[in-house]
Amino acid sequence: MGKRKTAAKPVKQVKQKLESTFTCLFCNHERSVICTLDKKNSLGELNCKICGQSFQTAINSLSQPVDVYSDWIDACEDLAEQADREGEAEDSGDDDNDRDPILDSDDDGY
């Protein structure tokens, strides 16, 4: 006679923890940007320990540190695009410096 079969014990699921330290976009040091979430004031803040860059954004109750970091990346990309557009607008103006110097010269070139 054998023993009675027992039910298998449930497997404990390990909860993956999201990172709260990131790589700085400006100085490229790994794990130098620390994220703090102030859920009471609905404010997420990033600070780089190396170069001192900081960023603040509004958060909600479901926000995680990676959300604040991605908002920072998006804000930096938006600023870069805006600077490119402003730079193109300045370059497209009528400047005398944009003319070809060979065509503007008085000598015949012989």
C-alpha atoms as a PDB file:
ATOM      1  CA  MET A   1       0.000   0.000   0.000  1.00  0.00           C
ATOM      2  CA  GLY A   2       1.246   3.417  -1.003  1.00  0.00           C
ATOM      3  CA  LYS A   3       0.925   6.804   0.530  1.00  0.00           C
ATOM      4  CA  ARG A   4      -1.779   9.223  -0.407  1.00  0.00           C
ATOM      5  CA  LYS A   5      -0.776  11.776  -3.071  1.00  0.00           C
ATOM      6  CA  THR A   6      -0.268  15.296  -1.817  1.00  0.00           C
ATOM      7  CA  ALA A   7      -0.881  18.458  -3.782  1.00  0.00           C
ATOM      8  CA  ALA A   8       2.199  20.260  -5.050  1.00  0.00           C
ATOM      9  CA  LYS A   9       3.156  23.347  -3.106  1.00  0.00           C
ATOM     10  CA  PRO A  10       2.515  26.592  -4.977  1.00  0.00           C
ATOM     11  CA  VAL A  11       5.619  28.126  -6.521  1.00  0.00           C
ATOM     12  CA  LYS A  12       6.497  31.480  -5.016  1.00  0.00           C
ATOM     13  CA  GLN A  13       6.608  34.142  -7.713  1.00  0.00           C
ATOM     14  CA  VAL A  14       9.478  36.574  -7.431  1.00  0.00           C
ATOM     15  CA  LYS A  15       8.410  40.153  -8.018  1.00  0.00           C
ATOM     16  CA  GLN A  16      10.749  42.009 -10.371  1.00  0.00           C
ATOM     17  CA  LYS A  17      11.855  45.307  -8.878  1.00  0.00           C
ATOM     18  CA  LEU A  18      12.291  48.238 -11.259  1.00  0.00           C
ATOM     19  CA  GLU A  19      15.499  50.239 -11.076  1.00  0.00           C
ATOM     20  CA  SER A  20      15.601  53.657  -9.462  1.00  0.00           C
ATOM     21  CA  THR A  21      19.150  54.572 -10.576  1.00  0.00           C
ATOM     22  CA  PHE A  22      19.898  55.318 -14.212  1.00  0.00           C
ATOM     23  CA  THR A  23      22.571  56.483 -16.659  1.00  0.00           C
ATOM     24  CA  CYS A  24      22.933  60.242 -17.008  1.00  0.00           C
ATOM     25  CA  LEU A  25      22.120  61.619 -20.464  1.00  0.00           C
ATOM     26  CA  PHE A  26      24.678  64.411 -20.170  1.00  0.00           C
ATOM     27  CA  CYS A  27      27.767  62.884 -18.516  1.00  0.00           C
ATOM     28  CA  ASN A  28      27.018  59.204 -19.434  1.00  0.00           C
ATOM     29  CA  HIS A  29      27.946  57.848 -15.994  1.00  0.00           C
ATOM     30  CA  GLU A  30      26.088  54.645 -15.225  1.00  0.00           C
ATOM     31  CA  ARG A  31      23.929  54.472 -12.101  1.00  0.00           C
ATOM     32  CA  SER A  32      24.575  58.135 -11.280  1.00  0.00           C
ATOM     33  CA  VAL A  33      21.022  59.457 -11.669  1.00  0.00           C
ATOM     34  CA  ILE A  34      18.850  58.918  -8.605  1.00  0.00           C
ATOM     35  CA  CYS A  35      15.089  59.177  -8.842  1.00  0.00           C
ATOM     36  CA  THR A  36      12.911  60.237  -5.927  1.00  0.00           C
ATOM     37  CA  LEU A  37       9.122  60.167  -6.001  1.00  0.00           C
ATOM     38  CA  ASP A  38       7.123  62.500  -3.773  1.00  0.00           C
ATOM     39  CA  LYS A  39       3.647  61.053  -4.208  1.00  0.00           C
ATOM     40  CA  LYS A  40       2.191  63.382  -1.583  1.00  0.00           C
ATOM     41  CA  ASN A  41       3.072  66.423  -3.720  1.00  0.00           C
ATOM     42  CA  SER A  42       2.781  64.517  -7.053  1.00  0.00           C
ATOM     43  CA  LEU A  43       6.373  65.325  -7.974  1.00  0.00           C
ATOM     44  CA  GLY A  44       9.096  63.107  -9.447  1.00  0.00           C
ATOM     45  CA  GLU A  45      12.691  64.315  -9.356  1.00  0.00           C
ATOM     46  CA  LEU A  46      15.925  63.118 -10.985  1.00  0.00           C
ATOM     47  CA  ASN A  47      19.388  64.216  -9.809  1.00  0.00           C
ATOM     48  CA  CYS A  48      22.786  63.238 -11.221  1.00  0.00           C
ATOM     49  CA  LYS A  49      25.447  62.745  -8.553  1.00  0.00           C
ATOM     50  CA  ILE A  50      28.287  63.480 -10.992  1.00  0.00           C
ATOM     51  CA  CYS A  51      27.321  66.478 -13.154  1.00  0.00           C
ATOM     52  CA  GLY A  52      24.480  67.902 -11.039  1.00  0.00           C
ATOM     53  CA  GLN A  53      21.777  67.803 -13.714  1.00  0.00           C
ATOM     54  CA  SER A  54      18.263  67.743 -12.307  1.00  0.00           C
ATOM     55  CA  PHE A  55      14.756  67.284 -13.694  1.00  0.00           C
ATOM     56  CA  GLN A  56      11.291  67.494 -12.151  1.00  0.00           C
ATOM     57  CA  THR A  57       7.972  66.321 -13.525  1.00  0.00           C
ATOM     58  CA  ALA A  58       4.421  65.772 -12.369  1.00  0.00           C
ATOM     59  CA  ILE A  59       3.539  62.181 -11.436  1.00  0.00           C
ATOM     60  CA  ASN A  60       0.447  60.243 -10.442  1.00  0.00           C
ATOM     61  CA  SER A  61      -0.134  57.412  -7.985  1.00  0.00           C
ATOM     62  CA  LEU A  62       0.868  54.746 -10.536  1.00  0.00           C
ATOM     63  CA  SER A  63       4.135  56.392 -11.621  1.00  0.00           C
ATOM     64  CA  GLN A  64       7.433  54.565 -11.173  1.00  0.00           C
ATOM     65  CA  PRO A  65      11.023  55.901 -11.327  1.00  0.00           C
ATOM     66  CA  VAL A  66      11.400  54.615 -14.890  1.00  0.00           C
ATOM     67  CA  ASP A  67       8.433  56.800 -15.908  1.00  0.00           C
ATOM     68  CA  VAL A  68      10.189  59.924 -14.614  1.00  0.00           C
ATOM     69  CA  TYR A  69      13.387  58.896 -16.444  1.00  0.00           C
ATOM     70  CA  SER A  70      11.499  58.382 -19.716  1.00  0.00           C
ATOM     71  CA  ASP A  71       9.849  61.812 -19.289  1.00  0.00           C
ATOM     72  CA  TRP A  72      13.353  63.278 -18.922  1.00  0.00           C
ATOM     73  CA  ILE A  73      14.512  61.584 -22.123  1.00  0.00           C
ATOM     74  CA  ASP A  74      11.441  62.876 -23.974  1.00  0.00           C
ATOM     75  CA  ALA A  75      11.977  66.419 -22.661  1.00  0.00           C
ATOM     76  CA  CYS A  76      15.636  66.383 -23.770  1.00  0.00           C
ATOM     77  CA  GLU A  77      14.654  65.159 -27.243  1.00  0.00           C
ATOM     78  CA  ASP A  78      11.989  67.875 -27.523  1.00  0.00           C
ATOM     79  CA  LEU A  79      14.525  70.563 -26.587  1.00  0.00           C
ATOM     80  CA  ALA A  80      17.019  69.219 -29.133  1.00  0.00           C
ATOM     81  CA  GLU A  81      14.386  69.244 -31.895  1.00  0.00           C
ATOM     82  CA  GLN A  82      13.339  72.774 -30.950  1.00  0.00           C
ATOM     83  CA  ALA A  83      16.959  73.951 -31.052  1.00  0.00           C
ATOM     84  CA  ASP A  84      17.408  72.346 -34.493  1.00  0.00           C
ATOM     85  CA  ARG A  85      14.303  74.101 -35.821  1.00  0.00           C
ATOM     86  CA  GLU A  86      15.500  77.453 -34.472  1.00  0.00           C
ATOM     87  CA  GLY A  87      18.950  76.861 -35.964  1.00  0.00           C
ATOM     88  CA  GLU A  88      17.446  76.103 -39.377  1.00  0.00           C
ATOM     89  CA  ALA A  89      15.314  79.247 -39.182  1.00  0.00           C
ATOM     90  CA  GLU A  90      18.418  81.360 -38.521  1.00  0.00           C
ATOM     91  CA  ASP A  91      20.310  79.709 -41.405  1.00  0.00           C
ATOM     92  CA  SER A  92      17.500  80.321 -43.907  1.00  0.00           C
ATOM     93  CA  GLY A  93      17.603  84.118 -43.477  1.00  0.00           C
ATOM     94  CA  ASP A  94      19.033  86.476 -46.159  1.00  0.00           C
ATOM     95  CA  ASP A  95      22.636  86.881 -45.074  1.00  0.00           C
ATOM     96  CA  ASP A  96      25.342  88.353 -47.289  1.00  0.00           C
ATOM     97  CA  ASN A  97      27.728  85.764 -45.852  1.00  0.00           C
ATOM     98  CA  ASP A  98      25.840  82.943 -47.572  1.00  0.00           C
ATOM     99  CA  ARG A  99      26.887  84.066 -51.082  1.00  0.00           C
ATOM    100  CA  ASP A 100      29.537  82.180 -52.995  1.00  0.00           C
ATOM    101  CA  PRO A 101      32.858  84.055 -52.615  1.00  0.00           C
ATOM    102  CA  ILE A 102      34.032  83.070 -56.116  1.00  0.00           C
ATOM    103  CA  LEU A 103      31.022  84.684 -57.779  1.00  0.00           C
ATOM    104  CA  ASP A 104      31.334  87.822 -55.666  1.00  0.00           C
ATOM    105  CA  SER A 105      34.974  88.513 -56.447  1.00  0.00           C
ATOM    106  CA  ASP A 106      35.841  91.461 -58.703  1.00  0.00           C
ATOM    107  CA  ASP A 107      38.819  89.858 -60.426  1.00  0.00           C
ATOM    108  CA  ASP A 108      38.435  87.639 -63.477  1.00  0.00           C
ATOM    109  CA  GLY A 109      40.269  84.720 -61.915  1.00  0.00           C
ATOM    110  CA  TYR A 110      42.887  84.390 -64.745  1.00  0.00           C
END
